[in-house]
PDB file of N, CA and C in Angstrom:
ATOM      1  N   ALA A   1       0.824  -1.201   0.000  1.00  0.00           N
ATOM      2  CA  ALA A   1       0.000   0.000   0.000  1.00  0.00           C
ATOM      3  C   ALA A   1       0.857   1.250   0.000  1.00  0.00           C
ATOM      4  N   LYS A   2       2.080   1.145  -0.446  1.00  0.00           N
ATOM      5  CA  LYS A   2       2.996   2.292  -0.437  1.00  0.00           C
ATOM      6  C   LYS A   2       2.386   3.485  -1.163  1.00  0.00           C
ATOM      7  N   GLY A   3       2.200   4.572  -0.428  1.00  0.00           N
ATOM      8  CA  GLY A   3       1.625   5.770  -1.007  1.00  0.00           C
ATOM      9  C   GLY A   3       0.109   5.787  -1.027  1.00  0.00           C
ATOM     10  N   PHE A   4      -0.532   4.757  -0.527  1.00  0.00           N
ATOM     11  CA  PHE A   4      -1.988   4.655  -0.518  1.00  0.00           C
ATOM     12  C   PHE A   4      -2.473   4.386   0.903  1.00  0.00           C
ATOM     13  N   ALA A   5      -3.766   4.473   1.098  1.00  0.00           N
ATOM     14  CA  ALA A   5      -4.337   4.200   2.419  1.00  0.00           C
ATOM     15  C   ALA A   5      -4.322   2.709   2.716  1.00  0.00           C
ATOM     16  N   VAL A   6      -4.045   2.379   3.970  1.00  0.00           N
ATOM     17  CA  VAL A   6      -4.186   1.030   4.489  1.00  0.00           C
ATOM     18  C   VAL A   6      -5.426   1.082   5.377  1.00  0.00           C
ATOM     19  N   VAL A   7      -6.355   0.136   5.194  1.00  0.00           N
ATOM     20  CA  VAL A   7      -7.630   0.188   5.900  1.00  0.00           C
ATOM     21  C   VAL A   7      -7.858  -1.116   6.655  1.00  0.00           C
ATOM     22  N   TRP A   8      -8.272  -0.990   7.913  1.00  0.00           N
ATOM     23  CA  TRP A   8      -8.642  -2.129   8.746  1.00  0.00           C
ATOM     24  C   TRP A   8     -10.136  -2.023   9.024  1.00  0.00           C
ATOM     25  N   ASN A   9     -10.879  -3.117   8.818  1.00  0.00           N
ATOM     26  CA  ASN A   9     -12.318  -3.172   9.082  1.00  0.00           C
ATOM     27  C   ASN A   9     -12.606  -4.254  10.109  1.00  0.00           C
ATOM     28  N   ILE A  10     -13.553  -3.972  10.981  1.00  0.00           N
ATOM     29  CA  ILE A  10     -14.043  -4.994  11.905  1.00  0.00           C
ATOM     30  C   ILE A  10     -15.364  -5.507  11.361  1.00  0.00           C
ATOM     31  N   VAL A  11     -15.461  -6.827  11.240  1.00  0.00           N
ATOM     32  CA  VAL A  11     -16.700  -7.469  10.807  1.00  0.00           C
ATOM     33  C   VAL A  11     -17.167  -8.329  11.982  1.00  0.00           C
ATOM     34  N   ASN A  12     -18.223  -7.883  12.629  1.00  0.00           N
ATOM     35  CA  ASN A  12     -18.746  -8.593  13.789  1.00  0.00           C
ATOM     36  C   ASN A  12     -19.667  -9.729  13.370  1.00  0.00           C
ATOM     37  N   ASN A  13     -19.569 -10.859  14.062  1.00  0.00           N
ATOM     38  CA  ASN A  13     -20.528 -11.949  13.914  1.00  0.00           C
ATOM     39  C   ASN A  13     -21.760 -11.638  14.751  1.00  0.00           C
ATOM     40  N   ALA A  14     -22.806 -12.405  14.592  1.00  0.00           N
ATOM     41  CA  ALA A  14     -24.031 -12.197  15.365  1.00  0.00           C
ATOM     42  C   ALA A  14     -23.710 -12.163  16.852  1.00  0.00           C
ATOM     43  N   GLY A  15     -24.225 -11.166  17.552  1.00  0.00           N
ATOM     44  CA  GLY A  15     -24.022 -11.039  18.984  1.00  0.00           C
ATOM     45  C   GLY A  15     -22.739 -10.345  19.393  1.00  0.00           C
ATOM     46  N   GLN A  16     -21.881  -9.996  18.448  1.00  0.00           N
ATOM     47  CA  GLN A  16     -20.639  -9.300  18.760  1.00  0.00           C
ATOM     48  C   GLN A  16     -20.811  -7.802  18.544  1.00  0.00           C
ATOM     49  N   SER A  17     -20.035  -7.011  19.272  1.00  0.00           N
ATOM     50  CA  SER A  17     -20.094  -5.560  19.104  1.00  0.00           C
ATOM     51  C   SER A  17     -18.703  -4.956  19.222  1.00  0.00           C
ATOM     52  N   TYR A  18     -17.721  -5.592  18.592  1.00  0.00           N
ATOM     53  CA  TYR A  18     -16.353  -5.091  18.653  1.00  0.00           C
ATOM     54  C   TYR A  18     -16.215  -3.813  17.845  1.00  0.00           C
ATOM     55  N   LYS A  19     -15.322  -2.935  18.321  1.00  0.00           N
ATOM     56  CA  LYS A  19     -14.913  -1.759  17.564  1.00  0.00           C
ATOM     57  C   LYS A  19     -13.479  -1.452  17.969  1.00  0.00           C
ATOM     58  N   PHE A  20     -12.814  -0.633  17.179  1.00  0.00           N
ATOM     59  CA  PHE A  20     -11.452  -0.264  17.512  1.00  0.00           C
ATOM     60  C   PHE A  20     -11.447   0.598  18.764  1.00  0.00           C
ATOM     61  N   ALA A  21     -10.423   0.407  19.610  1.00  0.00           N
ATOM     62  CA  ALA A  21     -10.274   1.224  20.809  1.00  0.00           C
ATOM     63  C   ALA A  21     -10.194   2.689  20.391  1.00  0.00           C
ATOM     64  N   ASP A  22     -10.884   3.546  21.112  1.00  0.00           N
ATOM     65  CA  ASP A  22     -11.013   4.946  20.721  1.00  0.00           C
ATOM     66  C   ASP A  22      -9.686   5.672  20.526  1.00  0.00           C
ATOM     67  N   ASP A  23      -8.760   5.493  21.448  1.00  0.00           N
ATOM     68  CA  ASP A  23      -7.549   6.303  21.391  1.00  0.00           C
ATOM     69  C   ASP A  23      -6.385   5.652  20.663  1.00  0.00           C
ATOM     70  N   ASN A  24      -6.386   4.343  20.515  1.00  0.00           N
ATOM     71  CA  ASN A  24      -5.233   3.684  19.891  1.00  0.00           C
ATOM     72  C   ASN A  24      -5.612   2.370  19.222  1.00  0.00           C
ATOM     73  N   GLY A  25      -6.663   2.369  18.430  1.00  0.00           N
ATOM     74  CA  GLY A  25      -7.088   1.154  17.739  1.00  0.00           C
ATOM     75  C   GLY A  25      -6.001   0.600  16.840  1.00  0.00           C
ATOM     76  N   ILE A  26      -5.341   1.472  16.105  1.00  0.00           N
ATOM     77  CA  ILE A  26      -4.129   1.136  15.346  1.00  0.00           C
ATOM     78  C   ILE A  26      -3.084   2.129  15.825  1.00  0.00           C
ATOM     79  N   ALA A  27      -2.046   1.643  16.472  1.00  0.00           N
ATOM     80  CA  ALA A  27      -1.035   2.528  17.042  1.00  0.00           C
ATOM     81  C   ALA A  27       0.353   2.067  16.620  1.00  0.00           C
ATOM     82  N   PHE A  28       1.030   2.891  15.829  1.00  0.00           N
ATOM     83  CA  PHE A  28       2.398   2.578  15.429  1.00  0.00           C
ATOM     84  C   PHE A  28       3.316   2.813  16.615  1.00  0.00           C
ATOM     85  N   LYS A  29       4.268   1.889  16.814  1.00  0.00           N
ATOM     86  CA  LYS A  29       5.037   1.837  18.049  1.00  0.00           C
ATOM     87  C   LYS A  29       6.272   2.726  18.076  1.00  0.00           C
ATOM     88  N   THR A  30       6.671   3.248  16.932  1.00  0.00           N
ATOM     89  CA  THR A  30       7.864   4.100  16.898  1.00  0.00           C
ATOM     90  C   THR A  30       7.498   5.453  16.306  1.00  0.00           C
ATOM     91  N   GLU A  31       8.358   6.418  16.573  1.00  0.00           N
ATOM     92  CA  GLU A  31       8.169   7.753  15.991  1.00  0.00           C
ATOM     93  C   GLU A  31       8.204   7.674  14.468  1.00  0.00           C
ATOM     94  N   ALA A  32       9.103   6.839  13.923  1.00  0.00           N
ATOM     95  CA  ALA A  32       9.184   6.675  12.463  1.00  0.00           C
ATOM     96  C   ALA A  32       7.869   6.144  11.903  1.00  0.00           C
ATOM     97  N   GLY A  33       7.260   5.182  12.581  1.00  0.00           N
ATOM     98  CA  GLY A  33       5.975   4.644  12.135  1.00  0.00           C
ATOM     99  C   GLY A  33       4.864   5.674  12.226  1.00  0.00           C
ATOM    100  N   ARG A  34       4.851   6.443  13.311  1.00  0.00           N
ATOM    101  CA  ARG A  34       3.821   7.484  13.461  1.00  0.00           C
ATOM    102  C   ARG A  34       3.985   8.580  12.417  1.00  0.00           C
ATOM    103  N   ASN A  35       5.218   8.830  11.973  1.00  0.00           N
ATOM    104  CA  ASN A  35       5.442   9.815  10.911  1.00  0.00           C
ATOM    105  C   ASN A  35       5.089   9.267   9.539  1.00  0.00           C
ATOM    106  N   ALA A  36       5.264   7.958   9.334  1.00  0.00           N
ATOM    107  CA  ALA A  36       5.009   7.340   8.025  1.00  0.00           C
ATOM    108  C   ALA A  36       3.523   7.109   7.769  1.00  0.00           C
ATOM    109  N   PHE A  37       2.714   7.006   8.832  1.00  0.00           N
ATOM    110  CA  PHE A  37       1.290   6.691   8.700  1.00  0.00           C
ATOM    111  C   PHE A  37       0.462   7.678   9.505  1.00  0.00           C
ATOM    112  N   ARG A  38      -0.538   8.250   8.883  1.00  0.00           N
ATOM    113  CA  ARG A  38      -1.497   9.129   9.570  1.00  0.00           C
ATOM    114  C   ARG A  38      -2.836   8.421   9.573  1.00  0.00           C
ATOM    115  N   CYS A  39      -3.349   8.117  10.771  1.00  0.00           N
ATOM    116  CA  CYS A  39      -4.539   7.279  10.907  1.00  0.00           C
ATOM    117  C   CYS A  39      -5.726   8.071  11.433  1.00  0.00           C
ATOM    118  N   HIS A  40      -6.917   7.614  11.045  1.00  0.00           N
ATOM    119  CA  HIS A  40      -8.140   8.187  11.612  1.00  0.00           C
ATOM    120  C   HIS A  40      -9.223   7.112  11.649  1.00  0.00           C
ATOM    121  N   VAL A  41     -10.107   7.252  12.637  1.00  0.00           N
ATOM    122  CA  VAL A  41     -11.204   6.313  12.851  1.00  0.00           C
ATOM    123  C   VAL A  41     -12.364   6.690  11.934  1.00  0.00           C
ATOM    124  N   GLU A  42     -13.023   5.685  11.378  1.00  0.00           N
ATOM    125  CA  GLU A  42     -14.199   5.876  10.529  1.00  0.00           C
ATOM    126  C   GLU A  42     -15.303   4.934  10.993  1.00  0.00           C
ATOM    127  N   GLU A  43     -16.503   5.161  10.514  1.00  0.00           N
ATOM    128  CA  GLU A  43     -17.656   4.286  10.764  1.00  0.00           C
ATOM    129  C   GLU A  43     -17.847   3.955  12.248  1.00  0.00           C
ATOM    130  N   ASN A  44     -17.831   4.983  13.099  1.00  0.00           N
ATOM    131  CA  ASN A  44     -18.086   4.818  14.533  1.00  0.00           C
ATOM    132  C   ASN A  44     -17.191   3.766  15.182  1.00  0.00           C
ATOM    133  N   GLY A  45     -15.942   3.721  14.763  1.00  0.00           N
ATOM    134  CA  GLY A  45     -14.993   2.785  15.355  1.00  0.00           C
ATOM    135  C   GLY A  45     -14.892   1.451  14.657  1.00  0.00           C
ATOM    136  N   GLY A  46     -15.658   1.234  13.604  1.00  0.00           N
ATOM    137  CA  GLY A  46     -15.633  -0.030  12.884  1.00  0.00           C
ATOM    138  C   GLY A  46     -14.556  -0.124  11.827  1.00  0.00           C
ATOM    139  N   ARG A  47     -13.926   1.011  11.534  1.00  0.00           N
ATOM    140  CA  ARG A  47     -12.872   1.017  10.510  1.00  0.00           C
ATOM    141  C   ARG A  47     -11.838   2.075  10.880  1.00  0.00           C
ATOM    142  N   ILE A  48     -10.592   1.781  10.580  1.00  0.00           N
ATOM    143  CA  ILE A  48      -9.509   2.753  10.703  1.00  0.00           C
ATOM    144  C   ILE A  48      -8.770   2.776   9.376  1.00  0.00           C
ATOM    145  N   ALA A  49      -8.513   3.978   8.877  1.00  0.00           N
ATOM    146  CA  ALA A  49      -7.745   4.164   7.653  1.00  0.00           C
ATOM    147  C   ALA A  49      -6.470   4.923   7.995  1.00  0.00           C
ATOM    148  N   CYS A  50      -5.353   4.460   7.456  1.00  0.00           N
ATOM    149  CA  CYS A  50      -4.063   5.111   7.666  1.00  0.00           C
ATOM    150  C   CYS A  50      -3.465   5.444   6.308  1.00  0.00           C
ATOM    151  N   MET A  51      -3.180   6.726   6.085  1.00  0.00           N
ATOM    152  CA  MET A  51      -2.500   7.130   4.861  1.00  0.00           C
ATOM    153  C   MET A  51      -1.042   6.746   4.982  1.00  0.00           C
ATOM    154  N   ASN A  52      -0.571   5.964   4.028  1.00  0.00           N
ATOM    155  CA  ASN A  52       0.801   5.478   3.992  1.00  0.00           C
ATOM    156  C   ASN A  52       1.612   6.458   3.162  1.00  0.00           C
ATOM    157  N   ARG A  53       2.516   7.169   3.789  1.00  0.00           N
ATOM    158  CA  ARG A  53       3.318   8.169   3.079  1.00  0.00           C
ATOM    159  C   ARG A  53       4.417   7.551   2.221  1.00  0.00           C
ATOM    160  N   GLY A  54       4.562   6.227   2.277  1.00  0.00           N
ATOM    161  CA  GLY A  54       5.500   5.537   1.402  1.00  0.00           C
ATOM    162  C   GLY A  54       6.930   5.484   1.899  1.00  0.00           C
ATOM    163  N   THR A  55       7.162   5.839   3.136  1.00  0.00           N
ATOM    164  CA  THR A  55       8.498   5.774   3.707  1.00  0.00           C
ATOM    165  C   THR A  55       8.966   4.321   3.745  1.00  0.00           C
ATOM    166  N   ALA A  56      10.172   4.058   3.237  1.00  0.00           N
ATOM    167  CA  ALA A  56      10.701   2.690   3.241  1.00  0.00           C
ATOM    168  C   ALA A  56      11.009   2.257   4.668  1.00  0.00           C
ATOM    169  N   GLY A  57      10.729   0.992   4.972  1.00  0.00           N
ATOM    170  CA  GLY A  57      11.054   0.458   6.282  1.00  0.00           C
ATOM    171  C   GLY A  57      10.033  -0.550   6.763  1.00  0.00           C
ATOM    172  N   THR A  58      10.270  -1.068   7.952  1.00  0.00           N
ATOM    173  CA  THR A  58       9.368  -2.002   8.620  1.00  0.00           C
ATOM    174  C   THR A  58       8.808  -1.289   9.843  1.00  0.00           C
ATOM    175  N   PHE A  59       7.488  -1.285   9.986  1.00  0.00           N
ATOM    176  CA  PHE A  59       6.840  -0.499  11.027  1.00  0.00           C
ATOM    177  C   PHE A  59       5.893  -1.395  11.832  1.00  0.00           C
ATOM    178  N   GLU A  60       6.251  -1.640  13.088  1.00  0.00           N
ATOM    179  CA  GLU A  60       5.413  -2.452  13.962  1.00  0.00           C
ATOM    180  C   GLU A  60       4.297  -1.575  14.531  1.00  0.00           C
ATOM    181  N   TYR A  61       3.115  -2.179  14.680  1.00  0.00           N
ATOM    182  CA  TYR A  61       1.979  -1.456  15.247  1.00  0.00           C
ATOM    183  C   TYR A  61       1.163  -2.402  16.098  1.00  0.00           C
ATOM    184  N   GLY A  62       0.307  -1.855  16.909  1.00  0.00           N
ATOM    185  CA  GLY A  62      -0.601  -2.640  17.731  1.00  0.00           C
ATOM    186  C   GLY A  62      -2.027  -2.426  17.285  1.00  0.00           C
ATOM    187  N   VAL A  63      -2.823  -3.488  17.335  1.00  0.00           N
ATOM    188  CA  VAL A  63      -4.260  -3.419  17.042  1.00  0.00           C
ATOM    189  C   VAL A  63      -4.987  -3.682  18.355  1.00  0.00           C
ATOM    190  N   ARG A  64      -5.835  -2.736  18.747  1.00  0.00           N
ATOM    191  CA  ARG A  64      -6.583  -2.886  19.992  1.00  0.00           C
ATOM    192  C   ARG A  64      -8.059  -2.658  19.708  1.00  0.00           C
ATOM    193  N   VAL A  65      -8.871  -3.597  20.193  1.00  0.00           N
ATOM    194  CA  VAL A  65     -10.314  -3.484  20.025  1.00  0.00           C
ATOM    195  C   VAL A  65     -10.991  -3.541  21.384  1.00  0.00           C
ATOM    196  N   SER A  66     -12.187  -2.974  21.452  1.00  0.00           N
ATOM    197  CA  SER A  66     -13.005  -3.088  22.657  1.00  0.00           C
ATOM    198  C   SER A  66     -14.221  -3.923  22.311  1.00  0.00           C
ATOM    199  N   GLY A  67     -14.760  -4.598  23.287  1.00  0.00           N
ATOM    200  CA  GLY A  67     -15.918  -5.465  23.094  1.00  0.00           C
ATOM    201  C   GLY A  67     -15.789  -6.687  23.990  1.00  0.00           C
ATOM    202  N   MET A  68     -16.813  -7.514  23.961  1.00  0.00           N
ATOM    203  CA  MET A  68     -16.827  -8.704  24.816  1.00  0.00           C
ATOM    204  C   MET A  68     -16.983  -9.951  23.959  1.00  0.00           C
ATOM    205  N   PRO A  69     -16.315 -11.031  24.280  1.00  0.00           N
ATOM    206  CA  PRO A  69     -15.312 -11.117  25.333  1.00  0.00           C
ATOM    207  C   PRO A  69     -14.064 -10.330  24.932  1.00  0.00           C
ATOM    208  N   THR A  70     -13.291  -9.903  25.917  1.00  0.00           N
ATOM    209  CA  THR A  70     -12.095  -9.125  25.624  1.00  0.00           C
ATOM    210  C   THR A  70     -11.093  -9.979  24.856  1.00  0.00           C
ATOM    211  N   VAL A  71     -10.314  -9.323  24.048  1.00  0.00           N
ATOM    212  CA  VAL A  71      -9.273 -10.000  23.272  1.00  0.00           C
ATOM    213  C   VAL A  71      -7.949  -9.263  23.489  1.00  0.00           C
ATOM    214  N   PRO A  72      -6.832  -9.982  23.475  1.00  0.00           N
ATOM    215  CA  PRO A  72      -5.532  -9.326  23.667  1.00  0.00           C
ATOM    216  C   PRO A  72      -5.147  -8.526  22.422  1.00  0.00           C
ATOM    217  N   PRO A  73      -4.252  -7.540  22.575  1.00  0.00           N
ATOM    218  CA  PRO A  73      -3.773  -6.782  21.409  1.00  0.00           C
ATOM    219  C   PRO A  73      -3.029  -7.700  20.446  1.00  0.00           C
ATOM    220  N   LEU A  74      -3.061  -7.344  19.188  1.00  0.00           N
ATOM    221  CA  LEU A  74      -2.330  -8.041  18.141  1.00  0.00           C
ATOM    222  C   LEU A  74      -1.191  -7.124  17.710  1.00  0.00           C
ATOM    223  N   ASP A  75      -0.001  -7.661  17.466  1.00  0.00           N
ATOM    224  CA  ASP A  75       1.167  -6.847  17.155  1.00  0.00           C
ATOM    225  C   ASP A  75       1.814  -7.230  15.822  1.00  0.00           C
ATOM    226  N   PRO A  76       1.198  -6.864  14.709  1.00  0.00           N
ATOM    227  CA  PRO A  76       1.797  -7.125  13.384  1.00  0.00           C
ATOM    228  C   PRO A  76       2.670  -5.959  12.941  1.00  0.00           C
ATOM    229  N   TRP A  77       3.044  -5.934  11.657  1.00  0.00           N
ATOM    230  CA  TRP A  77       3.869  -4.857  11.118  1.00  0.00           C
ATOM    231  C   TRP A  77       3.518  -4.627   9.650  1.00  0.00           C
ATOM    232  N   VAL A  78       3.937  -3.458   9.152  1.00  0.00           N
ATOM    233  CA  VAL A  78       3.810  -3.087   7.749  1.00  0.00           C
ATOM    234  C   VAL A  78       5.215  -2.982   7.206  1.00  0.00           C
ATOM    235  N   VAL A  79       5.448  -3.497   5.994  1.00  0.00           N
ATOM    236  CA  VAL A  79       6.756  -3.382   5.356  1.00  0.00           C
ATOM    237  C   VAL A  79       6.587  -2.603   4.058  1.00  0.00           C
ATOM    238  N   ASN A  80       7.281  -1.488   3.943  1.00  0.00           N
ATOM    239  CA  ASN A  80       7.328  -0.692   2.708  1.00  0.00           C
ATOM    240  C   ASN A  80       8.670  -0.920   2.057  1.00  0.00           C
ATOM    241  N   HIS A  81       8.662  -1.284   0.783  1.00  0.00           N
ATOM    242  CA  HIS A  81       9.911  -1.471   0.044  1.00  0.00           C
ATOM    243  C   HIS A  81      10.216  -0.249  -0.781  1.00  0.00           C
TER     244      HIS A  81
END
């Protein structure tokens, strides 16, 4: 997605009401990652879009959601070549 938006969507099953955590649903863990991606919440917390400025590198981030039952954070990364 170099130079384009990266989008995360939550698709709830029946009886679920998960949404991205208000303050850090997608949170890049380094200053370089926060500079490379500008994120904003959409659809009442059901989607987050991050504009990828195309900076080369590997950027670790955390995914945090709220809802029941609680789930632990997920820690993947984005790689720009």
